[in-house]
Amino acid sequence: MVNESSVNHVPGSGELRENNVNSVLEKNAALFPDRAALKWVCSETFKTWDSLLPLPHESITYQDFAGLSARLARGLKGAGIKKGDRVIIFLPMSLELYLTVCAVMRIGAISVFLDVWTKKQLDASAHQAEPKALIVPETVLSAFPALNAIPLKIVAGQHSQKNYTAFSSLFDTPEDTYIEPVSPDTPALITYTTGSSGVPKGAVRTHQFLAAQHHALDQCIPYLETDIDLPTFPIFSLNNLACGITSVLPAITLATPSEKDARILVSQMLSEKVTCCTFAPARLARVTEYCHLNRIDLSHIRRVVTGGAPADKEVLRGLKAIAPGALLLVLYGSTEAEPIASIDADELLRDTSARAGVNVGKIVRDLEFKFIRLHRGDIELDEQGWGKWELPHGEVGELVVSGPHVCREYYRNPPAFQRNKIKDAGGKVWHRTGDVGFLDEHDRLWIAGRVHNAIFREKTCLFPVYAEILLKTLEFVRQAAYAGIEDEVLGEKACVIISLRHGFGIENRGQYREQILALFKTHKMPVDEIRIVGEIPMDPRHHSKVDYAKLKEMPGE
């Protein structure tokens, strides 16, 4: 039992371990006071920037960042936010975002992040979180009126109403030298996601979880002190602050991709001498294509990490050509467990074995895992335990994981826990990834698809991942999906859905159909219908995964 009134540490693994992860920032400020913590581009810069010139960046040192965050923590307390309060944060990847997250954790409050893809989902998430405060630009409040019911509204930037608290005014205080003691299982972040069911659920990340996740990421992708990282996943910048390295914040709007994004990101990589970067596969593809078209050499890059969706091998080969010295790693994980596995792209490209899935490498050391038989409903273990669920080594099943960097609960959402978690007889919580996979003879993890996207055709279960990889080898295919469509005879029919590359016309649909049927016949996979669409809908977060629910509603050519 931790005496929270007097200590900041608890014993763990033979040594003292901080509970409040904000303590790590204090250490880095003392160790690297003059090192840049964050670099970013001011929005005004783009009004005069010539893309042929280096992109100017602002920066802040670790010492100044820690000091500003501590002042903000005192300001938040003065505004009435206290330990245990939930604070919704709607800010882009920016200095303000990371100052806020660190300040909220410093006082023992909880940062809440919501998906904003639809008003209905946002309103439901905000209602469930019951936040004490909201920190957003005023435009968010005008777009989502339900948020005005939150008691304390803190507005970043210009605002027009007097009943809002100005974010900038919270810094008008001395810095707070006191870090709130917390127990290891105290929530630090709640991240709301839509999930495959479309119902928002808040994954709870405790202080202990964040420390364990930092350790797991450090095992997969260790940094050098001299590294300068450009991450397009917000959580990686938070991890970088714990590592004590410099983060260059992407000068793009992550939620709304633009044709200018690749040019901007590459300019940042060159002007700031970036050594490492983290991109979702779709964004990596655009950056790689831009560099090839403009003959840009990225030989100074030491490492590139991608994840969030299957990585296209042609993109990986293309990146190796422009960044020949870079270690290219593919991470596999989820909101509730990141990372789960990783693989070096060189190994991935060398592997020519024909298996029904994608190789995501070895499962990280800190995780326990099992494969269980496919079941779309809830799972509750009885007196037999795992007996009727767990599958032998090598068989295809749903992957479930447990470990220190696996979220154990959803905030105030027992139905989400019941759908996505399994508690065993010893009280250990296992997370159902929803991914179907297996281990090969070298203990490498292969992912074949999602449980909810599996195609149950007659008495056969088909998975989309490998089929979609095959489709992308055809020269006319830009996007590809393999989906189950309800059918009275088959149960579900196997439907191939593609969009065409530029220069390939719909008038040649007969030739495309013949090539698709021949390819699938070679690999002994059924095709009951072929559709050609203008654009395959993708997930709104990374724009790298097929949104199957929307896809099935679309008419084809």
Protein backbone atom coordinates (compact mmCIF):
# COMPACT_ATOMS: atom_id res chain seq x y z
CA MET A 1 0.00 0.00 0.00
CA VAL A 2 1.44 3.38 -1.03
CA ASN A 3 1.29 6.31 1.40
CA GLU A 4 0.35 8.92 -1.20
CA SER A 5 0.68 11.80 1.22
CA SER A 6 4.41 11.44 1.69
CA VAL A 7 6.12 9.56 -1.12
CA ASN A 8 6.70 9.76 -4.86
CA HIS A 9 8.14 6.26 -5.22
CA VAL A 10 7.32 2.64 -4.57
CA PRO A 11 9.68 -0.34 -4.54
CA GLY A 12 9.75 -2.33 -7.74
CA SER A 13 12.11 -4.99 -9.16
CA GLY A 14 14.69 -4.31 -6.46
CA GLU A 15 14.91 -0.55 -7.04
CA LEU A 16 12.82 2.58 -6.45
CA ARG A 17 10.47 3.43 -9.29
CA GLU A 18 8.64 6.70 -9.80
CA ASN A 19 4.90 6.51 -9.77
CA ASN A 20 4.09 9.82 -11.41
CA VAL A 21 5.74 9.55 -14.83
CA ASN A 22 6.16 13.32 -14.92
CA SER A 23 9.17 12.74 -12.65
CA VAL A 24 11.05 11.51 -15.74
CA LEU A 25 10.73 14.95 -17.33
CA GLU A 26 12.30 16.53 -14.25
CA LYS A 27 15.24 14.15 -14.51
CA ASN A 28 15.79 14.91 -18.20
CA ALA A 29 15.63 18.66 -17.53
CA ALA A 30 18.47 18.21 -15.03
CA LEU A 31 20.49 15.87 -17.27
CA PHE A 32 20.02 17.72 -20.60
CA PRO A 33 19.00 21.30 -19.69
CA ASP A 34 20.12 22.86 -22.99
CA ARG A 35 19.03 20.06 -25.33
CA ALA A 36 16.05 20.85 -27.57
CA ALA A 37 12.99 18.95 -26.36
CA LEU A 38 10.65 20.00 -29.18
CA LYS A 39 10.99 21.78 -32.51
CA TRP A 40 8.05 23.03 -34.54
CA VAL A 41 7.00 25.29 -37.41
CA CYS A 42 4.87 28.36 -36.67
CA SER A 43 1.74 28.53 -38.81
CA GLU A 44 2.69 32.05 -39.95
CA THR A 45 5.83 30.62 -41.58
CA PHE A 46 3.84 29.04 -44.42
CA LYS A 47 2.58 32.44 -45.58
CA THR A 48 6.06 33.37 -46.83
CA TRP A 49 7.85 30.03 -47.11
CA ASP A 50 9.42 29.16 -50.45
CA SER A 51 9.50 25.35 -50.70
CA LEU A 52 12.97 25.56 -52.22
CA LEU A 53 14.32 27.01 -48.96
CA PRO A 54 14.82 25.29 -45.57
CA LEU A 55 11.72 25.35 -43.38
CA PRO A 56 12.42 27.54 -40.29
CA HIS A 57 11.68 25.93 -36.89
CA GLU A 58 11.17 27.22 -33.36
CA SER A 59 12.49 25.17 -30.42
CA ILE A 60 12.40 24.82 -26.63
CA THR A 61 15.01 23.25 -24.33
CA TYR A 62 14.26 20.54 -21.78
CA GLN A 63 14.92 23.00 -18.95
CA ASP A 64 12.50 25.58 -20.34
CA PHE A 65 9.92 22.95 -21.25
CA ALA A 66 9.93 21.54 -17.70
CA GLY A 67 9.68 25.04 -16.25
CA LEU A 68 6.75 26.06 -18.46
CA SER A 69 4.94 22.78 -17.77
CA ALA A 70 5.36 23.33 -14.02
CA ARG A 71 3.97 26.88 -14.34
CA LEU A 72 1.01 25.54 -16.32
CA ALA A 73 0.43 22.92 -13.61
CA ARG A 74 0.16 25.69 -11.01
CA GLY A 75 -2.21 27.59 -13.31
CA LEU A 76 -4.43 24.54 -13.77
CA LYS A 77 -4.62 24.12 -10.01
CA GLY A 78 -5.53 27.78 -9.65
CA ALA A 79 -8.32 27.30 -12.19
CA GLY A 80 -9.79 24.57 -9.97
CA ILE A 81 -8.41 21.35 -11.50
CA LYS A 82 -7.23 18.86 -8.90
CA LYS A 83 -5.95 15.31 -8.58
CA GLY A 84 -8.29 12.77 -10.21
CA ASP A 85 -10.15 15.32 -12.35
CA ARG A 86 -10.57 14.50 -16.03
CA VAL A 87 -9.49 17.09 -18.58
CA ILE A 88 -10.44 16.77 -22.26
CA ILE A 89 -7.59 17.97 -24.48
CA PHE A 90 -8.29 18.91 -28.11
CA LEU A 91 -5.02 20.33 -29.38
CA PRO A 92 -2.92 19.47 -32.45
CA MET A 93 0.59 18.04 -32.13
CA SER A 94 2.18 21.19 -30.75
CA LEU A 95 4.16 22.67 -27.88
CA GLU A 96 0.84 23.47 -26.17
CA LEU A 97 -0.31 19.84 -26.38
CA TYR A 98 2.74 18.36 -24.67
CA LEU A 99 3.01 21.12 -22.07
CA THR A 100 -0.62 20.43 -21.20
CA VAL A 101 -0.32 16.64 -20.99
CA CYS A 102 2.76 16.89 -18.75
CA ALA A 103 1.13 19.56 -16.55
CA VAL A 104 -2.07 17.54 -16.14
CA MET A 105 -0.08 14.43 -15.15
CA ARG A 106 2.07 16.53 -12.78
CA ILE A 107 -0.97 17.43 -10.65
CA GLY A 108 -2.36 13.87 -10.76
CA ALA A 109 -5.27 14.76 -13.04
CA ILE A 110 -6.23 12.68 -16.11
CA SER A 111 -5.87 13.74 -19.76
CA VAL A 112 -8.79 12.60 -21.94
CA PHE A 113 -8.43 12.32 -25.73
CA LEU A 114 -11.52 11.84 -27.90
CA ASP A 115 -12.04 10.77 -31.49
CA VAL A 116 -13.60 13.62 -33.44
CA TRP A 117 -14.68 11.73 -36.57
CA THR A 118 -18.37 12.26 -35.94
CA LYS A 119 -20.34 14.56 -33.64
CA LYS A 120 -22.38 11.66 -32.26
CA GLN A 121 -19.27 9.73 -31.16
CA LEU A 122 -17.64 12.79 -29.65
CA ASP A 123 -20.74 13.73 -27.67
CA ALA A 124 -21.07 10.16 -26.35
CA SER A 125 -17.41 10.04 -25.31
CA ALA A 126 -17.51 13.45 -23.62
CA HIS A 127 -20.68 12.50 -21.72
CA GLN A 128 -19.13 9.25 -20.47
CA ALA A 129 -15.85 10.88 -19.38
CA GLU A 130 -17.66 13.48 -17.21
CA PRO A 131 -14.74 15.93 -17.47
CA LYS A 132 -14.07 18.80 -15.09
CA ALA A 133 -12.40 20.88 -17.82
CA LEU A 134 -11.83 21.18 -21.54
CA ILE A 135 -8.75 22.64 -23.27
CA VAL A 136 -9.45 23.42 -26.95
CA PRO A 137 -9.41 26.10 -29.65
CA GLU A 138 -12.68 28.08 -29.71
CA THR A 139 -13.54 26.63 -33.14
CA VAL A 140 -14.02 23.21 -31.52
CA LEU A 141 -16.59 24.61 -29.09
CA SER A 142 -18.56 26.19 -31.93
CA ALA A 143 -18.44 22.94 -33.92
CA PHE A 144 -19.53 20.76 -30.99
CA PRO A 145 -22.04 22.74 -28.85
CA ALA A 146 -22.52 19.83 -26.40
CA LEU A 147 -19.01 20.50 -25.07
CA ASN A 148 -20.18 23.84 -23.69
CA ALA A 149 -21.83 21.95 -20.82
CA ILE A 150 -18.37 21.14 -19.40
CA PRO A 151 -17.86 23.34 -16.30
CA LEU A 152 -14.42 24.83 -17.06
CA LYS A 153 -13.61 25.81 -20.65
CA ILE A 154 -9.99 26.75 -21.33
CA VAL A 155 -9.47 28.14 -24.82
CA ALA A 156 -6.15 28.10 -26.68
CA GLY A 157 -5.57 31.04 -29.03
CA GLN A 158 -8.00 33.87 -29.72
CA HIS A 159 -11.50 33.66 -28.27
CA SER A 160 -14.58 35.87 -28.26
CA GLN A 161 -16.51 34.95 -25.12
CA LYS A 162 -15.73 36.23 -21.62
CA ASN A 163 -16.84 33.03 -19.89
CA TYR A 164 -13.84 31.16 -21.33
CA THR A 165 -10.49 30.96 -19.53
CA ALA A 166 -7.55 31.93 -21.73
CA PHE A 167 -4.95 29.16 -21.95
CA SER A 168 -2.16 31.77 -22.04
CA SER A 169 -3.30 33.22 -18.68
CA LEU A 170 -2.52 29.94 -16.91
CA PHE A 171 1.21 30.65 -17.23
CA ASP A 172 0.95 33.86 -15.15
CA THR A 173 2.07 32.04 -12.00
CA PRO A 174 5.33 30.80 -10.44
CA GLU A 175 6.24 27.25 -11.41
CA ASP A 176 4.95 24.44 -9.22
CA THR A 177 7.86 22.46 -7.75
CA TYR A 178 5.55 19.81 -6.31
CA ILE A 179 4.79 16.64 -8.29
CA GLU A 180 1.62 14.97 -7.04
CA PRO A 181 2.30 11.50 -5.58
CA VAL A 182 0.14 8.79 -7.15
CA SER A 183 -0.20 5.04 -6.88
CA PRO A 184 1.07 3.04 -9.89
CA ASP A 185 -2.44 2.15 -11.03
CA THR A 186 -3.67 5.77 -11.04
CA PRO A 187 -4.99 6.71 -14.52
CA ALA A 188 -2.82 9.20 -16.43
CA LEU A 189 -4.52 9.15 -19.85
CA ILE A 190 -7.86 7.99 -21.20
CA THR A 191 -7.86 7.52 -24.96
CA TYR A 192 -11.25 7.18 -26.62
CA THR A 193 -11.45 5.19 -29.84
CA THR A 194 -14.37 4.31 -32.08
CA GLY A 195 -13.42 0.64 -32.18
CA SER A 196 -14.57 -1.85 -34.80
CA SER A 197 -18.12 -1.64 -33.46
CA GLY A 198 -18.19 2.14 -33.90
CA VAL A 199 -19.01 2.65 -30.18
CA PRO A 200 -16.43 4.84 -28.41
CA LYS A 201 -14.51 3.21 -25.59
CA GLY A 202 -11.95 4.83 -23.31
CA ALA A 203 -8.73 2.86 -22.87
CA VAL A 204 -7.24 3.70 -19.49
CA ARG A 205 -3.46 4.21 -19.43
CA THR A 206 -2.14 4.34 -15.89
CA HIS A 207 1.16 5.88 -14.79
CA GLN A 208 2.52 2.34 -14.46
CA PHE A 209 1.27 1.49 -17.95
CA LEU A 210 3.03 4.52 -19.50
CA ALA A 211 6.29 3.58 -17.79
CA ALA A 212 5.95 -0.02 -19.03
CA GLN A 213 5.11 1.16 -22.56
CA HIS A 214 8.17 3.41 -22.58
CA HIS A 215 10.29 0.42 -21.55
CA ALA A 216 8.76 -1.81 -24.25
CA LEU A 217 9.27 0.81 -26.98
CA ASP A 218 12.84 1.34 -25.81
CA GLN A 219 13.46 -2.39 -26.27
CA CYS A 220 12.07 -2.32 -29.83
CA ILE A 221 13.38 1.05 -31.01
CA PRO A 222 16.21 2.29 -28.74
CA TYR A 223 17.39 5.85 -29.40
CA LEU A 224 20.83 7.45 -29.35
CA GLU A 225 21.33 10.65 -27.35
CA THR A 226 22.08 12.48 -30.60
CA ASP A 227 18.88 11.37 -32.33
CA ILE A 228 16.38 13.87 -33.73
CA ASP A 229 13.01 12.20 -34.29
CA LEU A 230 10.07 13.21 -36.51
CA PRO A 231 7.05 11.24 -35.22
CA THR A 232 3.58 11.45 -36.77
CA PHE A 233 2.05 9.40 -33.93
CA PRO A 234 1.39 11.76 -30.95
CA ILE A 235 2.26 9.12 -28.33
CA PHE A 236 5.79 8.78 -29.74
CA SER A 237 6.60 12.43 -28.96
CA LEU A 238 5.54 11.77 -25.37
CA ASN A 239 7.84 8.74 -25.35
CA ASN A 240 10.65 10.90 -26.75
CA LEU A 241 10.29 13.32 -23.84
CA ALA A 242 10.84 10.34 -21.54
CA CYS A 243 13.88 9.30 -23.62
CA GLY A 244 15.42 12.77 -23.44
CA ILE A 245 15.78 13.21 -27.21
CA THR A 246 14.62 15.93 -29.60
CA SER A 247 11.23 15.66 -31.35
CA VAL A 248 10.45 17.59 -34.53
CA LEU A 249 6.67 17.98 -34.59
CA PRO A 250 5.08 17.37 -38.03
CA ALA A 251 3.95 20.64 -39.63
CA ILE A 252 0.87 19.02 -41.18
CA THR A 253 -2.72 18.37 -40.12
CA LEU A 254 -2.70 14.65 -39.29
CA ALA A 255 -6.48 14.17 -39.48
CA THR A 256 -6.84 15.65 -42.99
CA PRO A 257 -4.16 14.47 -45.42
CA SER A 258 -3.06 16.94 -48.10
CA GLU A 259 -1.03 16.60 -51.28
CA LYS A 260 1.43 19.05 -49.71
CA ASP A 261 2.14 16.81 -46.68
CA ALA A 262 5.01 14.83 -48.22
CA ARG A 263 6.79 17.99 -49.37
CA ILE A 264 6.50 19.54 -45.90
CA LEU A 265 7.63 16.43 -44.04
CA VAL A 266 10.62 15.91 -46.32
CA SER A 267 11.58 19.57 -45.92
CA GLN A 268 11.49 19.11 -42.14
CA MET A 269 13.62 15.97 -42.39
CA LEU A 270 16.25 17.83 -44.39
CA SER A 271 16.29 21.21 -42.65
CA GLU A 272 16.37 19.78 -39.09
CA LYS A 273 18.77 16.91 -39.91
CA VAL A 274 16.24 14.36 -38.67
CA THR A 275 17.81 10.96 -37.92
CA CYS A 276 14.66 8.96 -37.10
CA CYS A 277 11.00 9.16 -38.08
CA THR A 278 7.72 7.34 -37.51
CA PHE A 279 5.05 7.22 -40.24
CA ALA A 280 1.85 5.30 -40.87
CA PRO A 281 2.16 3.18 -44.06
CA ALA A 282 0.01 5.49 -46.20
CA ARG A 283 2.05 8.54 -45.20
CA LEU A 284 5.31 6.61 -45.68
CA ALA A 285 4.20 5.73 -49.21
CA ARG A 286 3.60 9.40 -50.09
CA VAL A 287 6.94 10.52 -48.64
CA THR A 288 8.77 7.77 -50.53
CA GLU A 289 7.03 8.61 -53.80
CA TYR A 290 7.79 12.33 -53.37
CA CYS A 291 11.50 11.63 -52.79
CA HIS A 292 11.72 9.38 -55.86
CA LEU A 293 9.95 11.91 -58.10
CA ASN A 294 12.19 14.74 -56.91
CA ARG A 295 15.41 12.70 -56.63
CA ILE A 296 15.81 13.47 -52.95
CA ASP A 297 18.42 11.50 -51.00
CA LEU A 298 17.62 10.57 -47.39
CA SER A 299 20.91 8.78 -46.71
CA HIS A 300 21.29 10.74 -43.44
CA ILE A 301 18.26 8.91 -41.93
CA ARG A 302 19.30 6.30 -39.35
CA ARG A 303 15.94 4.62 -38.72
CA VAL A 304 12.35 4.68 -39.99
CA VAL A 305 9.48 3.08 -38.07
CA THR A 306 6.08 2.34 -39.58
CA GLY A 307 2.96 0.75 -38.16
CA GLY A 308 -0.79 1.05 -37.73
CA ALA A 309 -1.57 -1.08 -40.80
CA PRO A 310 0.17 -3.62 -43.07
CA ALA A 311 3.18 -2.12 -44.87
CA ASP A 312 3.41 -2.49 -48.65
CA LYS A 313 6.63 -4.30 -49.65
CA GLU A 314 7.07 -2.11 -52.74
CA VAL A 315 7.00 0.98 -50.52
CA LEU A 316 9.57 -0.60 -48.19
CA ARG A 317 11.85 -1.37 -51.16
CA GLY A 318 11.38 2.17 -52.44
CA LEU A 319 12.37 3.65 -49.08
CA LYS A 320 15.45 1.44 -48.88
CA ALA A 321 16.54 2.91 -52.23
CA ILE A 322 16.43 6.53 -51.03
CA ALA A 323 17.56 5.83 -47.44
CA PRO A 324 20.00 2.93 -47.94
CA GLY A 325 21.59 3.27 -44.51
CA ALA A 326 18.35 3.34 -42.56
CA LEU A 327 17.12 0.56 -40.32
CA LEU A 328 13.49 0.15 -41.31
CA LEU A 329 11.25 -1.37 -38.63
CA VAL A 330 7.61 -2.38 -38.85
CA LEU A 331 5.71 -2.28 -35.53
CA TYR A 332 2.49 -4.13 -34.83
CA GLY A 333 0.22 -3.12 -31.96
CA SER A 334 -3.07 -1.49 -30.99
CA THR A 335 -4.43 1.31 -28.82
CA GLU A 336 -4.62 -1.12 -25.90
CA ALA A 337 -1.21 -2.77 -26.43
CA GLU A 338 1.63 -0.99 -28.25
CA PRO A 339 3.97 -2.58 -29.22
CA ILE A 340 3.01 -6.24 -29.61
CA ALA A 341 5.61 -7.31 -32.19
CA SER A 342 8.22 -5.83 -34.52
CA ILE A 343 10.23 -6.89 -37.56
CA ASP A 344 13.16 -5.51 -39.54
CA ALA A 345 11.99 -4.70 -43.08
CA ASP A 346 15.06 -6.48 -44.50
CA GLU A 347 13.80 -9.72 -42.98
CA LEU A 348 10.29 -9.00 -44.23
CA LEU A 349 11.54 -8.41 -47.79
CA ARG A 350 13.72 -11.53 -47.76
CA ASP A 351 10.81 -13.73 -46.68
CA THR A 352 9.25 -15.21 -49.81
CA SER A 353 7.24 -17.92 -48.06
CA ALA A 354 3.64 -18.11 -49.29
CA ARG A 355 1.48 -17.90 -46.18
CA ALA A 356 -2.03 -16.59 -45.67
CA GLY A 357 -1.04 -13.45 -43.80
CA VAL A 358 1.58 -10.80 -43.17
CA ASN A 359 4.71 -11.42 -41.11
CA VAL A 360 4.93 -8.91 -38.21
CA GLY A 361 7.94 -10.49 -36.50
CA LYS A 362 8.66 -11.65 -32.97
CA ILE A 363 6.33 -10.85 -30.08
CA VAL A 364 7.99 -8.49 -27.58
CA ARG A 365 9.52 -10.03 -24.48
CA ASP A 366 7.25 -8.47 -21.84
CA LEU A 367 4.03 -9.94 -23.26
CA GLU A 368 2.26 -13.21 -22.55
CA PHE A 369 0.09 -14.41 -25.42
CA LYS A 370 -2.30 -17.13 -26.57
CA PHE A 371 -4.27 -17.99 -29.71
CA ILE A 372 -7.91 -18.86 -29.17
CA ARG A 373 -10.60 -20.24 -31.44
CA LEU A 374 -12.56 -17.67 -33.43
CA HIS A 375 -15.65 -16.33 -31.74
CA ARG A 376 -17.44 -13.07 -32.53
CA GLY A 377 -19.25 -12.89 -29.20
CA ASP A 378 -18.11 -12.28 -25.63
CA ILE A 379 -15.87 -14.84 -23.91
CA GLU A 380 -16.09 -15.72 -20.23
CA LEU A 381 -13.95 -18.56 -18.91
CA ASP A 382 -15.72 -21.32 -16.95
CA GLU A 383 -14.27 -23.98 -14.64
CA GLN A 384 -12.35 -25.46 -17.61
CA GLY A 385 -10.35 -22.24 -17.92
CA TRP A 386 -8.66 -21.92 -21.30
CA GLY A 387 -9.29 -25.60 -22.08
CA LYS A 388 -11.98 -25.19 -24.72
CA TRP A 389 -10.56 -21.94 -26.12
CA GLU A 390 -6.77 -22.11 -26.45
CA LEU A 391 -5.32 -23.52 -29.69
CA PRO A 392 -2.08 -25.50 -30.14
CA HIS A 393 1.09 -23.78 -31.38
CA GLY A 394 0.86 -22.92 -35.08
CA GLU A 395 -2.92 -23.05 -35.43
CA VAL A 396 -4.83 -20.01 -36.68
CA GLY A 397 -6.81 -18.16 -34.03
CA GLU A 398 -7.47 -14.82 -32.38
CA LEU A 399 -4.42 -13.37 -30.61
CA VAL A 400 -4.91 -12.44 -26.94
CA VAL A 401 -2.17 -10.73 -24.90
CA SER A 402 -1.42 -9.78 -21.31
CA GLY A 403 1.40 -7.79 -19.79
CA PRO A 404 2.50 -4.56 -18.11
CA HIS A 405 1.89 -2.39 -21.21
CA VAL A 406 -1.56 -3.86 -21.98
CA CYS A 407 -4.53 -1.71 -20.90
CA ARG A 408 -6.52 -3.58 -18.29
CA GLU A 409 -9.77 -1.57 -18.37
CA TYR A 410 -12.07 0.82 -20.20
CA TYR A 411 -13.32 3.86 -18.37
CA ARG A 412 -16.81 3.28 -16.97
CA ASN A 413 -17.67 0.83 -19.73
CA PRO A 414 -18.33 -2.74 -18.50
CA PRO A 415 -19.79 -3.83 -21.89
CA ALA A 416 -16.53 -2.82 -23.64
CA PHE A 417 -14.56 -4.80 -21.05
CA GLN A 418 -16.78 -7.82 -21.61
CA ARG A 419 -16.33 -7.61 -25.40
CA ASN A 420 -12.60 -7.01 -25.44
CA LYS A 421 -11.13 -8.53 -22.28
CA ILE A 422 -10.93 -11.95 -20.66
CA LYS A 423 -10.22 -12.36 -16.94
CA ASP A 424 -8.71 -15.70 -15.96
CA ALA A 425 -9.06 -17.60 -12.68
CA GLY A 426 -6.00 -15.86 -11.23
CA GLY A 427 -7.45 -12.40 -11.93
CA LYS A 428 -5.10 -11.71 -14.84
CA VAL A 429 -6.69 -9.59 -17.59
CA TRP A 430 -6.09 -10.59 -21.22
CA HIS A 431 -6.79 -8.27 -24.14
CA ARG A 432 -8.51 -9.64 -27.24
CA THR A 433 -6.68 -7.97 -30.12
CA GLY A 434 -9.42 -8.90 -32.59
CA ASP A 435 -6.64 -9.98 -34.97
CA VAL A 436 -6.45 -13.46 -36.44
CA GLY A 437 -2.97 -14.95 -36.67
CA PHE A 438 -0.56 -17.78 -35.95
CA LEU A 439 3.08 -18.48 -35.11
CA ASP A 440 5.33 -20.08 -37.71
CA GLU A 441 8.15 -22.56 -37.10
CA HIS A 442 10.48 -19.66 -36.18
CA ASP A 443 7.99 -18.23 -33.66
CA ARG A 444 7.25 -15.26 -35.91
CA LEU A 445 3.75 -13.82 -35.71
CA TRP A 446 1.64 -13.77 -38.89
CA ILE A 447 -1.56 -11.69 -39.04
CA ALA A 448 -4.26 -12.91 -41.42
CA GLY A 449 -7.04 -10.41 -40.73
CA ARG A 450 -9.62 -9.28 -38.19
CA VAL A 451 -12.16 -11.53 -36.50
CA HIS A 452 -14.97 -9.14 -37.49
CA ASN A 453 -13.71 -8.93 -41.09
CA ALA A 454 -13.34 -12.68 -41.60
CA ILE A 455 -15.45 -14.06 -44.44
CA PHE A 456 -17.55 -17.07 -43.42
CA ARG A 457 -18.23 -18.62 -46.83
CA GLU A 458 -20.04 -21.96 -46.71
CA LYS A 459 -17.92 -23.99 -44.24
CA THR A 460 -14.70 -22.07 -44.91
CA CYS A 461 -13.28 -19.07 -43.06
CA LEU A 462 -11.38 -16.62 -45.31
CA PHE A 463 -9.22 -13.67 -44.22
CA PRO A 464 -8.62 -10.44 -46.14
CA VAL A 465 -4.97 -9.49 -45.44
CA TYR A 466 -3.18 -11.92 -47.76
CA ALA A 467 -5.77 -11.45 -50.51
CA GLU A 468 -5.28 -7.69 -50.38
CA ILE A 469 -1.50 -8.09 -50.55
CA LEU A 470 -1.91 -10.23 -53.68
CA LEU A 471 -4.24 -7.71 -55.31
CA LYS A 472 -1.72 -4.90 -54.85
CA THR A 473 0.78 -6.82 -57.00
CA LEU A 474 -1.44 -6.13 -60.03
CA GLU A 475 -0.29 -3.04 -61.93
CA PHE A 476 -3.76 -1.54 -62.30
CA VAL A 477 -4.70 -1.80 -58.58
CA ARG A 478 -4.29 1.30 -56.40
CA GLN A 479 -6.37 0.20 -53.39
CA ALA A 480 -7.71 -3.27 -52.60
CA ALA A 481 -10.12 -5.00 -50.27
CA TYR A 482 -11.43 -8.55 -49.84
CA ALA A 483 -14.75 -8.45 -48.03
CA GLY A 484 -17.64 -10.70 -47.10
CA ILE A 485 -21.04 -9.68 -48.48
CA GLU A 486 -24.19 -11.30 -47.05
CA ASP A 487 -25.53 -14.05 -49.34
CA GLU A 488 -28.54 -16.38 -48.92
CA VAL A 489 -26.75 -19.42 -50.39
CA LEU A 490 -23.12 -19.03 -49.27
CA GLY A 491 -23.72 -17.22 -45.99
CA GLU A 492 -21.19 -14.63 -47.14
CA LYS A 493 -19.78 -14.30 -50.62
CA ALA A 494 -16.15 -13.33 -51.20
CA CYS A 495 -16.03 -9.94 -52.88
CA VAL A 496 -12.91 -8.30 -54.37
CA ILE A 497 -13.13 -4.50 -54.36
CA ILE A 498 -10.47 -2.34 -56.01
CA SER A 499 -9.77 1.23 -57.07
CA LEU A 500 -7.68 1.88 -60.16
CA ARG A 501 -4.29 3.51 -60.57
CA HIS A 502 -4.07 6.70 -62.62
CA GLY A 503 -4.04 5.89 -66.31
CA PHE A 504 -6.09 2.68 -66.06
CA GLY A 505 -9.64 3.15 -67.36
CA ILE A 506 -12.86 1.46 -66.29
CA GLU A 507 -13.50 0.45 -69.93
CA ASN A 508 -10.92 -2.36 -69.45
CA ARG A 509 -12.85 -3.93 -66.58
CA GLY A 510 -13.06 -7.25 -68.46
CA GLN A 511 -9.25 -7.58 -68.61
CA TYR A 512 -8.94 -6.64 -64.93
CA ARG A 513 -11.50 -9.27 -64.00
CA GLU A 514 -9.62 -12.01 -65.91
CA GLN A 515 -6.32 -11.15 -64.19
CA ILE A 516 -7.90 -11.09 -60.73
CA LEU A 517 -9.63 -14.44 -61.26
CA ALA A 518 -6.40 -16.02 -62.56
CA LEU A 519 -4.41 -14.70 -59.58
CA PHE A 520 -6.89 -16.01 -57.04
CA LYS A 521 -7.22 -19.35 -58.80
CA THR A 522 -3.43 -19.80 -58.55
CA HIS A 523 -3.63 -19.19 -54.81
CA LYS A 524 -6.78 -21.31 -54.39
CA MET A 525 -8.89 -18.44 -53.07
CA PRO A 526 -12.54 -17.95 -54.14
CA VAL A 527 -13.92 -14.81 -55.81
CA ASP A 528 -17.69 -14.52 -56.09
CA GLU A 529 -17.91 -10.87 -57.11
CA ILE A 530 -15.57 -8.11 -58.33
CA ARG A 531 -16.33 -4.42 -57.82
CA ILE A 532 -14.43 -1.35 -59.01
CA VAL A 533 -14.94 1.84 -56.98
CA GLY A 534 -13.51 5.33 -57.25
CA GLU A 535 -12.07 5.33 -53.74
CA ILE A 536 -11.94 2.71 -51.00
CA PRO A 537 -12.80 4.31 -47.63
CA MET A 538 -9.97 4.14 -45.09
CA ASP A 539 -9.78 4.61 -41.33
CA PRO A 540 -9.88 8.29 -40.32
CA ARG A 541 -6.89 8.13 -37.97
CA HIS A 542 -4.02 6.72 -40.05
CA HIS A 543 -5.72 6.47 -43.46
CA SER A 544 -4.07 3.06 -43.83
CA LYS A 545 -6.78 0.48 -42.97
CA VAL A 546 -9.86 -0.35 -45.00
CA ASP A 547 -13.15 0.77 -43.44
CA TYR A 548 -15.08 -2.39 -44.31
CA ALA A 549 -18.42 -1.22 -42.91
CA LYS A 550 -18.53 1.80 -45.24
CA LEU A 551 -17.07 -0.21 -48.12
CA LYS A 552 -19.85 -2.78 -48.11
CA GLU A 553 -22.44 -0.04 -48.54
CA MET A 554 -20.78 1.38 -51.67
CA PRO A 555 -22.01 0.53 -55.16
CA GLY A 556 -19.43 -0.67 -57.68
CA GLU A 557 -18.88 0.08 -61.35
